[in-house]
Amino acid sequence: QRRIKSLPASFVYDLSLASSMNMTDVYEKLLILENEYDQFNSNQQRKVKKQID
């Protein structure tokens, strides 16, 4: 559950090397994915279970 901003720069650098992208693009993509994940979790928590009697 680490936030992207708390990842070490060396990790982002290694991802950029593995993906053949520059570090800025990798970091921005990670932030987008983190935002999508947060929205998904938020939507999951809003769902209310209804009990049918």
Protein backbone atom coordinates (compact mmCIF):
# COMPACT_ATOMS: atom_id res chain seq x y z
CA GLN A 1 0.00 0.00 0.00
CA ARG A 2 2.91 2.35 -0.63
CA ARG A 3 2.17 5.59 -2.40
CA ILE A 4 4.01 6.30 -5.63
CA LYS A 5 5.65 9.43 -4.20
CA SER A 6 7.27 7.30 -1.50
CA LEU A 7 8.96 4.90 -3.94
CA PRO A 8 12.73 5.24 -4.20
CA ALA A 9 14.02 6.91 -7.35
CA SER A 10 16.14 3.83 -8.06
CA PHE A 11 12.96 1.74 -8.35
CA VAL A 12 11.43 4.15 -10.87
CA TYR A 13 14.76 4.23 -12.71
CA ASP A 14 14.85 0.42 -12.92
CA LEU A 15 11.28 0.38 -14.22
CA SER A 16 12.19 2.94 -16.85
CA LEU A 17 15.13 0.82 -17.99
CA ALA A 18 12.99 -2.31 -18.15
CA SER A 19 10.25 -0.56 -20.11
CA SER A 20 12.55 1.51 -22.37
CA MET A 21 10.73 4.66 -21.26
CA ASN A 22 12.12 7.73 -19.57
CA MET A 23 11.69 8.14 -15.83
CA THR A 24 9.21 11.00 -16.15
CA ASP A 25 6.86 8.96 -18.33
CA VAL A 26 7.10 5.97 -15.99
CA TYR A 27 6.43 8.13 -12.94
CA GLU A 28 3.43 9.81 -14.59
CA LYS A 29 2.02 6.45 -15.64
CA LEU A 30 2.41 5.13 -12.10
CA LEU A 31 0.55 8.17 -10.76
CA ILE A 32 -2.29 7.57 -13.22
CA LEU A 33 -2.51 3.92 -12.19
CA GLU A 34 -2.45 4.89 -8.52
CA ASN A 35 -5.31 7.34 -9.10
CA GLU A 36 -7.34 4.68 -10.93
CA TYR A 37 -6.70 2.24 -8.08
CA ASP A 38 -7.81 4.80 -5.50
CA GLN A 39 -11.01 5.47 -7.46
CA PHE A 40 -11.71 1.75 -7.72
CA ASN A 41 -11.26 1.28 -3.97
CA SER A 42 -13.46 4.27 -3.28
CA ASN A 43 -16.23 2.82 -5.46
CA GLN A 44 -15.91 -0.58 -3.76
CA GLN A 45 -16.33 0.96 -0.32
CA ARG A 46 -19.46 2.84 -1.38
CA LYS A 47 -21.30 -0.31 -2.28
CA VAL A 48 -23.82 -1.18 0.38
CA LYS A 49 -24.93 -4.72 0.93
CA LYS A 50 -28.67 -5.10 1.02
CA GLN A 51 -30.30 -7.88 2.93
CA ILE A 52 -33.46 -9.32 1.46
CA ASP A 53 -35.82 -10.85 3.98
